[in-house]
Amino acid sequence: MKTGIHPDYHTIKVVMTNGTEYFTRSTLGKEGDTLNLDIDPSTHPAWTGGTQHMLDRGGRVSRFNSRFGAFGALGKK
């Protein structure tokens, strides 16, 4: 490996949204910096199994379904 071309790899503190803290190694910032997460696995629906809802603004979704619903969009039969 070439010397002097790689970023500094050091320990930082990560603070999750619920206040949980842990230390990890990263190239972010400098030694001892803190990374405060706005979204983390304990709160985000992608990890917690939450559902996403599609808002129907101005009847766009229902209009789309009435025009193209017969094609069986998204594998529905």
PDB file of N, CA and C in Angstrom:
ATOM      1  N   MET A   1       0.832  -1.187   0.000  1.00  0.00           N
ATOM      2  CA  MET A   1       0.000   0.000   0.000  1.00  0.00           C
ATOM      3  C   MET A   1       0.874   1.246   0.000  1.00  0.00           C
ATOM      4  N   LYS A   2       0.429   2.251  -0.695  1.00  0.00           N
ATOM      5  CA  LYS A   2       1.149   3.513  -0.705  1.00  0.00           C
ATOM      6  C   LYS A   2       0.920   4.232   0.618  1.00  0.00           C
ATOM      7  N   THR A   3       1.907   4.920   1.080  1.00  0.00           N
ATOM      8  CA  THR A   3       1.770   5.668   2.325  1.00  0.00           C
ATOM      9  C   THR A   3       1.323   7.089   2.028  1.00  0.00           C
ATOM     10  N   GLY A   4       0.548   7.670   2.952  1.00  0.00           N
ATOM     11  CA  GLY A   4       0.142   9.061   2.857  1.00  0.00           C
ATOM     12  C   GLY A   4      -1.066   9.331   1.966  1.00  0.00           C
ATOM     13  N   ILE A   5      -1.682   8.302   1.356  1.00  0.00           N
ATOM     14  CA  ILE A   5      -2.831   8.555   0.483  1.00  0.00           C
ATOM     15  C   ILE A   5      -4.142   8.102   1.110  1.00  0.00           C
ATOM     16  N   HIS A   6      -4.083   7.377   2.218  1.00  0.00           N
ATOM     17  CA  HIS A   6      -5.286   6.854   2.842  1.00  0.00           C
ATOM     18  C   HIS A   6      -5.798   7.808   3.923  1.00  0.00           C
ATOM     19  N   PRO A   7      -7.123   7.923   4.093  1.00  0.00           N
ATOM     20  CA  PRO A   7      -7.663   8.810   5.132  1.00  0.00           C
ATOM     21  C   PRO A   7      -7.367   8.268   6.526  1.00  0.00           C
ATOM     22  N   ASP A   8      -7.369   9.164   7.483  1.00  0.00           N
ATOM     23  CA  ASP A   8      -7.129   8.793   8.882  1.00  0.00           C
ATOM     24  C   ASP A   8      -8.309   7.978   9.402  1.00  0.00           C
ATOM     25  N   TYR A   9      -8.039   6.822   9.971  1.00  0.00           N
ATOM     26  CA  TYR A   9      -9.061   5.918  10.489  1.00  0.00           C
ATOM     27  C   TYR A   9      -8.967   5.964  12.005  1.00  0.00           C
ATOM     28  N   HIS A  10      -9.990   6.489  12.672  1.00  0.00           N
ATOM     29  CA  HIS A  10      -9.907   6.760  14.100  1.00  0.00           C
ATOM     30  C   HIS A  10     -11.245   6.444  14.780  1.00  0.00           C
ATOM     31  N   THR A  11     -11.291   6.583  16.103  1.00  0.00           N
ATOM     32  CA  THR A  11     -12.482   6.283  16.889  1.00  0.00           C
ATOM     33  C   THR A  11     -13.361   7.520  17.030  1.00  0.00           C
ATOM     34  N   ILE A  12     -14.696   7.329  16.780  1.00  0.00           N
ATOM     35  CA  ILE A  12     -15.674   8.393  16.999  1.00  0.00           C
ATOM     36  C   ILE A  12     -16.812   7.839  17.844  1.00  0.00           C
ATOM     37  N   LYS A  13     -17.607   8.747  18.430  1.00  0.00           N
ATOM     38  CA  LYS A  13     -18.775   8.344  19.203  1.00  0.00           C
ATOM     39  C   LYS A  13     -20.018   8.568  18.350  1.00  0.00           C
ATOM     40  N   VAL A  14     -20.909   7.565  18.301  1.00  0.00           N
ATOM     41  CA  VAL A  14     -22.158   7.655  17.567  1.00  0.00           C
ATOM     42  C   VAL A  14     -23.293   7.716  18.578  1.00  0.00           C
ATOM     43  N   VAL A  15     -24.162   8.737  18.458  1.00  0.00           N
ATOM     44  CA  VAL A  15     -25.312   8.902  19.349  1.00  0.00           C
ATOM     45  C   VAL A  15     -26.574   8.677  18.527  1.00  0.00           C
ATOM     46  N   MET A  16     -27.348   7.658  18.900  1.00  0.00           N
ATOM     47  CA  MET A  16     -28.576   7.335  18.180  1.00  0.00           C
ATOM     48  C   MET A  16     -29.709   8.238  18.658  1.00  0.00           C
ATOM     49  N   THR A  17     -30.869   8.182  17.984  1.00  0.00           N
ATOM     50  CA  THR A  17     -31.979   9.082  18.295  1.00  0.00           C
ATOM     51  C   THR A  17     -32.536   8.868  19.689  1.00  0.00           C
ATOM     52  N   ASN A  18     -32.421   7.660  20.246  1.00  0.00           N
ATOM     53  CA  ASN A  18     -32.943   7.389  21.586  1.00  0.00           C
ATOM     54  C   ASN A  18     -31.918   7.675  22.672  1.00  0.00           C
ATOM     55  N   GLY A  19     -30.754   8.202  22.309  1.00  0.00           N
ATOM     56  CA  GLY A  19     -29.735   8.550  23.287  1.00  0.00           C
ATOM     57  C   GLY A  19     -28.663   7.485  23.479  1.00  0.00           C
ATOM     58  N   THR A  20     -28.841   6.325  22.903  1.00  0.00           N
ATOM     59  CA  THR A  20     -27.847   5.269  23.002  1.00  0.00           C
ATOM     60  C   THR A  20     -26.554   5.724  22.336  1.00  0.00           C
ATOM     61  N   GLU A  21     -25.445   5.450  22.998  1.00  0.00           N
ATOM     62  CA  GLU A  21     -24.141   5.839  22.463  1.00  0.00           C
ATOM     63  C   GLU A  21     -23.264   4.619  22.291  1.00  0.00           C
ATOM     64  N   TYR A  22     -22.458   4.625  21.252  1.00  0.00           N
ATOM     65  CA  TYR A  22     -21.447   3.590  21.096  1.00  0.00           C
ATOM     66  C   TYR A  22     -20.262   4.171  20.338  1.00  0.00           C
ATOM     67  N   PHE A  23     -19.147   3.511  20.447  1.00  0.00           N
ATOM     68  CA  PHE A  23     -17.933   3.966  19.776  1.00  0.00           C
ATOM     69  C   PHE A  23     -17.635   3.037  18.610  1.00  0.00           C
ATOM     70  N   THR A  24     -17.181   3.628  17.523  1.00  0.00           N
ATOM     71  CA  THR A  24     -16.809   2.868  16.339  1.00  0.00           C
ATOM     72  C   THR A  24     -15.641   3.569  15.665  1.00  0.00           C
ATOM     73  N   ARG A  25     -15.065   2.899  14.700  1.00  0.00           N
ATOM     74  CA  ARG A  25     -13.962   3.504  13.965  1.00  0.00           C
ATOM     75  C   ARG A  25     -14.479   4.011  12.633  1.00  0.00           C
ATOM     76  N   SER A  26     -13.981   5.183  12.204  1.00  0.00           N
ATOM     77  CA  SER A  26     -14.488   5.816  11.000  1.00  0.00           C
ATOM     78  C   SER A  26     -13.443   6.765  10.435  1.00  0.00           C
ATOM     79  N   THR A  27     -13.682   7.215   9.207  1.00  0.00           N
ATOM     80  CA  THR A  27     -12.847   8.251   8.603  1.00  0.00           C
ATOM     81  C   THR A  27     -13.507   9.617   8.739  1.00  0.00           C
ATOM     82  N   LEU A  28     -14.701   9.667   9.382  1.00  0.00           N
ATOM     83  CA  LEU A  28     -15.442  10.907   9.569  1.00  0.00           C
ATOM     84  C   LEU A  28     -14.755  11.811  10.585  1.00  0.00           C
ATOM     85  N   GLY A  29     -14.582  13.068  10.259  1.00  0.00           N
ATOM     86  CA  GLY A  29     -14.056  14.047  11.212  1.00  0.00           C
ATOM     87  C   GLY A  29     -12.666  13.722  11.701  1.00  0.00           C
ATOM     88  N   LYS A  30     -12.499  13.908  13.029  1.00  0.00           N
ATOM     89  CA  LYS A  30     -11.199  13.616  13.639  1.00  0.00           C
ATOM     90  C   LYS A  30     -11.414  12.812  14.917  1.00  0.00           C
ATOM     91  N   GLU A  31     -10.382  12.324  15.496  1.00  0.00           N
ATOM     92  CA  GLU A  31     -10.429  11.493  16.696  1.00  0.00           C
ATOM     93  C   GLU A  31     -11.289  12.137  17.776  1.00  0.00           C
ATOM     94  N   GLY A  32     -12.277  11.380  18.302  1.00  0.00           N
ATOM     95  CA  GLY A  32     -13.112  11.859  19.392  1.00  0.00           C
ATOM     96  C   GLY A  32     -14.348  12.636  18.972  1.00  0.00           C
ATOM     97  N   ASP A  33     -14.566  12.871  17.664  1.00  0.00           N
ATOM     98  CA  ASP A  33     -15.767  13.583  17.211  1.00  0.00           C
ATOM     99  C   ASP A  33     -17.015  12.761  17.498  1.00  0.00           C
ATOM    100  N   THR A  34     -18.175  13.441  17.500  1.00  0.00           N
ATOM    101  CA  THR A  34     -19.456  12.789  17.765  1.00  0.00           C
ATOM    102  C   THR A  34     -20.342  12.887  16.527  1.00  0.00           C
ATOM    103  N   LEU A  35     -20.962  11.762  16.165  1.00  0.00           N
ATOM    104  CA  LEU A  35     -21.907  11.706  15.053  1.00  0.00           C
ATOM    105  C   LEU A  35     -23.292  11.503  15.653  1.00  0.00           C
ATOM    106  N   ASN A  36     -24.175  12.511  15.526  1.00  0.00           N
ATOM    107  CA  ASN A  36     -25.543  12.418  16.024  1.00  0.00           C
ATOM    108  C   ASN A  36     -26.448  12.003  14.875  1.00  0.00           C
ATOM    109  N   LEU A  37     -27.110  10.847  15.027  1.00  0.00           N
ATOM    110  CA  LEU A  37     -27.964  10.328  13.970  1.00  0.00           C
ATOM    111  C   LEU A  37     -29.365  10.912  14.070  1.00  0.00           C
ATOM    112  N   ASP A  38     -29.936  11.322  12.939  1.00  0.00           N
ATOM    113  CA  ASP A  38     -31.323  11.774  12.873  1.00  0.00           C
ATOM    114  C   ASP A  38     -32.252  10.589  12.622  1.00  0.00           C
ATOM    115  N   ILE A  39     -31.762   9.611  11.885  1.00  0.00           N
ATOM    116  CA  ILE A  39     -32.518   8.395  11.574  1.00  0.00           C
ATOM    117  C   ILE A  39     -31.614   7.219  11.888  1.00  0.00           C
ATOM    118  N   ASP A  40     -32.148   6.236  12.598  1.00  0.00           N
ATOM    119  CA  ASP A  40     -31.354   5.056  12.895  1.00  0.00           C
ATOM    120  C   ASP A  40     -32.227   3.802  12.842  1.00  0.00           C
ATOM    121  N   PRO A  41     -31.629   2.626  12.920  1.00  0.00           N
ATOM    122  CA  PRO A  41     -32.392   1.386  12.787  1.00  0.00           C
ATOM    123  C   PRO A  41     -33.481   1.190  13.838  1.00  0.00           C
ATOM    124  N   SER A  42     -33.412   1.867  14.969  1.00  0.00           N
ATOM    125  CA  SER A  42     -34.440   1.684  16.001  1.00  0.00           C
ATOM    126  C   SER A  42     -35.694   2.504  15.726  1.00  0.00           C
ATOM    127  N   THR A  43     -35.629   3.471  14.800  1.00  0.00           N
ATOM    128  CA  THR A  43     -36.785   4.326  14.547  1.00  0.00           C
ATOM    129  C   THR A  43     -37.272   4.335  13.108  1.00  0.00           C
ATOM    130  N   HIS A  44     -36.458   3.953  12.158  1.00  0.00           N
ATOM    131  CA  HIS A  44     -36.829   4.064  10.747  1.00  0.00           C
ATOM    132  C   HIS A  44     -37.698   2.886  10.315  1.00  0.00           C
ATOM    133  N   PRO A  45     -38.799   3.155   9.588  1.00  0.00           N
ATOM    134  CA  PRO A  45     -39.709   2.086   9.174  1.00  0.00           C
ATOM    135  C   PRO A  45     -39.054   0.993   8.323  1.00  0.00           C
ATOM    136  N   ALA A  46     -37.973   1.303   7.624  1.00  0.00           N
ATOM    137  CA  ALA A  46     -37.313   0.281   6.817  1.00  0.00           C
ATOM    138  C   ALA A  46     -36.768  -0.844   7.682  1.00  0.00           C
ATOM    139  N   TRP A  47     -36.375  -0.536   8.924  1.00  0.00           N
ATOM    140  CA  TRP A  47     -35.838  -1.553   9.820  1.00  0.00           C
ATOM    141  C   TRP A  47     -36.853  -2.036  10.843  1.00  0.00           C
ATOM    142  N   THR A  48     -37.859  -1.221  11.148  1.00  0.00           N
ATOM    143  CA  THR A  48     -38.813  -1.598  12.195  1.00  0.00           C
ATOM    144  C   THR A  48     -40.031  -2.313  11.643  1.00  0.00           C
ATOM    145  N   GLY A  49     -40.156  -2.409  10.328  1.00  0.00           N
ATOM    146  CA  GLY A  49     -41.283  -3.108   9.730  1.00  0.00           C
ATOM    147  C   GLY A  49     -42.519  -2.247   9.595  1.00  0.00           C
ATOM    148  N   GLY A  50     -42.363  -0.939   9.676  1.00  0.00           N
ATOM    149  CA  GLY A  50     -43.491  -0.027   9.507  1.00  0.00           C
ATOM    150  C   GLY A  50     -43.992  -0.039   8.077  1.00  0.00           C
ATOM    151  N   THR A  51     -45.116   0.559   7.878  1.00  0.00           N
ATOM    152  CA  THR A  51     -45.677   0.585   6.536  1.00  0.00           C
ATOM    153  C   THR A  51     -45.627   1.992   5.971  1.00  0.00           C
ATOM    154  N   GLN A  52     -45.616   2.066   4.680  1.00  0.00           N
ATOM    155  CA  GLN A  52     -45.621   3.346   3.988  1.00  0.00           C
ATOM    156  C   GLN A  52     -46.984   3.511   3.335  1.00  0.00           C
ATOM    157  N   HIS A  53     -47.554   4.689   3.449  1.00  0.00           N
ATOM    158  CA  HIS A  53     -48.865   4.952   2.885  1.00  0.00           C
ATOM    159  C   HIS A  53     -48.742   5.925   1.728  1.00  0.00           C
ATOM    160  N   MET A  54     -49.471   5.652   0.659  1.00  0.00           N
ATOM    161  CA  MET A  54     -49.465   6.550  -0.489  1.00  0.00           C
ATOM    162  C   MET A  54     -50.626   7.530  -0.334  1.00  0.00           C
ATOM    163  N   LEU A  55     -50.309   8.803  -0.373  1.00  0.00           N
ATOM    164  CA  LEU A  55     -51.347   9.815  -0.274  1.00  0.00           C
ATOM    165  C   LEU A  55     -51.957  10.058  -1.645  1.00  0.00           C
ATOM    166  N   ASP A  56     -53.266  10.146  -1.686  1.00  0.00           N
ATOM    167  CA  ASP A  56     -53.963  10.398  -2.936  1.00  0.00           C
ATOM    168  C   ASP A  56     -54.319  11.882  -2.989  1.00  0.00           C
ATOM    169  N   ARG A  57     -53.458  12.654  -3.630  1.00  0.00           N
ATOM    170  CA  ARG A  57     -53.686  14.091  -3.729  1.00  0.00           C
ATOM    171  C   ARG A  57     -54.397  14.394  -5.036  1.00  0.00           C
ATOM    172  N   GLY A  58     -55.570  14.953  -4.926  1.00  0.00           N
ATOM    173  CA  GLY A  58     -56.323  15.351  -6.110  1.00  0.00           C
ATOM    174  C   GLY A  58     -56.830  14.181  -6.931  1.00  0.00           C
ATOM    175  N   GLY A  59     -56.946  12.991  -6.334  1.00  0.00           N
ATOM    176  CA  GLY A  59     -57.479  11.839  -7.041  1.00  0.00           C
ATOM    177  C   GLY A  59     -56.529  11.235  -8.057  1.00  0.00           C
ATOM    178  N   ARG A  60     -55.248  11.537  -7.966  1.00  0.00           N
ATOM    179  CA  ARG A  60     -54.299  11.039  -8.960  1.00  0.00           C
ATOM    180  C   ARG A  60     -54.157   9.526  -8.917  1.00  0.00           C
ATOM    181  N   VAL A  61     -54.087   8.970  -7.705  1.00  0.00           N
ATOM    182  CA  VAL A  61     -53.925   7.521  -7.586  1.00  0.00           C
ATOM    183  C   VAL A  61     -55.171   6.809  -8.093  1.00  0.00           C
ATOM    184  N   SER A  62     -56.350   7.278  -7.696  1.00  0.00           N
ATOM    185  CA  SER A  62     -57.580   6.635  -8.147  1.00  0.00           C
ATOM    186  C   SER A  62     -57.760   6.797  -9.661  1.00  0.00           C
ATOM    187  N   ARG A  63     -57.354   7.927 -10.207  1.00  0.00           N
ATOM    188  CA  ARG A  63     -57.429   8.142 -11.648  1.00  0.00           C
ATOM    189  C   ARG A  63     -56.477   7.183 -12.376  1.00  0.00           C
ATOM    190  N   PHE A  64     -55.287   7.019 -11.830  1.00  0.00           N
ATOM    191  CA  PHE A  64     -54.332   6.074 -12.418  1.00  0.00           C
ATOM    192  C   PHE A  64     -54.887   4.654 -12.373  1.00  0.00           C
ATOM    193  N   ASN A  65     -55.418   4.268 -11.214  1.00  0.00           N
ATOM    194  CA  ASN A  65     -55.975   2.914 -11.078  1.00  0.00           C
ATOM    195  C   ASN A  65     -57.137   2.681 -12.027  1.00  0.00           C
ATOM    196  N   SER A  66     -57.977   3.689 -12.255  1.00  0.00           N
ATOM    197  CA  SER A  66     -59.106   3.503 -13.162  1.00  0.00           C
ATOM    198  C   SER A  66     -58.644   3.362 -14.612  1.00  0.00           C
ATOM    199  N   ARG A  67     -57.547   4.033 -14.971  1.00  0.00           N
ATOM    200  CA  ARG A  67     -57.050   3.951 -16.344  1.00  0.00           C
ATOM    201  C   ARG A  67     -56.234   2.686 -16.596  1.00  0.00           C
ATOM    202  N   PHE A  68     -55.399   2.326 -15.620  1.00  0.00           N
ATOM    203  CA  PHE A  68     -54.445   1.248 -15.860  1.00  0.00           C
ATOM    204  C   PHE A  68     -54.647   0.038 -14.961  1.00  0.00           C
ATOM    205  N   GLY A  69     -55.666   0.022 -14.147  1.00  0.00           N
ATOM    206  CA  GLY A  69     -55.917  -1.082 -13.228  1.00  0.00           C
ATOM    207  C   GLY A  69     -56.154  -2.407 -13.924  1.00  0.00           C
ATOM    208  N   ALA A  70     -56.676  -2.377 -15.137  1.00  0.00           N
ATOM    209  CA  ALA A  70     -56.966  -3.609 -15.878  1.00  0.00           C
ATOM    210  C   ALA A  70     -55.696  -4.348 -16.294  1.00  0.00           C
ATOM    211  N   PHE A  71     -54.547  -3.656 -16.279  1.00  0.00           N
ATOM    212  CA  PHE A  71     -53.286  -4.298 -16.687  1.00  0.00           C
ATOM    213  C   PHE A  71     -52.680  -5.145 -15.570  1.00  0.00           C
ATOM    214  N   GLY A  72     -53.235  -5.069 -14.360  1.00  0.00           N
ATOM    215  CA  GLY A  72     -52.698  -5.868 -13.250  1.00  0.00           C
ATOM    216  C   GLY A  72     -51.359  -5.353 -12.780  1.00  0.00           C
ATOM    217  N   ALA A  73     -51.266  -4.070 -12.505  1.00  0.00           N
ATOM    218  CA  ALA A  73     -50.011  -3.450 -12.074  1.00  0.00           C
ATOM    219  C   ALA A  73     -49.497  -4.097 -10.791  1.00  0.00           C
ATOM    220  N   LEU A  74     -48.194  -4.192 -10.691  1.00  0.00           N
ATOM    221  CA  LEU A  74     -47.485  -4.735  -9.536  1.00  0.00           C
ATOM    222  C   LEU A  74     -47.829  -6.192  -9.264  1.00  0.00           C
ATOM    223  N   GLY A  75     -48.174  -6.931 -10.258  1.00  0.00           N
ATOM    224  CA  GLY A  75     -48.387  -8.361 -10.120  1.00  0.00           C
ATOM    225  C   GLY A  75     -49.694  -8.750  -9.460  1.00  0.00           C
ATOM    226  N   LYS A  76     -50.610  -7.814  -9.237  1.00  0.00           N
ATOM    227  CA  LYS A  76     -51.901  -8.129  -8.625  1.00  0.00           C
ATOM    228  C   LYS A  76     -52.806  -8.745  -9.674  1.00  0.00           C
ATOM    229  N   LYS A  77     -53.626  -9.693  -9.262  1.00  0.00           N
ATOM    230  CA  LYS A  77     -54.517 -10.374 -10.199  1.00  0.00           C
ATOM    231  C   LYS A  77     -55.954 -10.210  -9.792  1.00  0.00           C
TER     232      LYS A  77
END
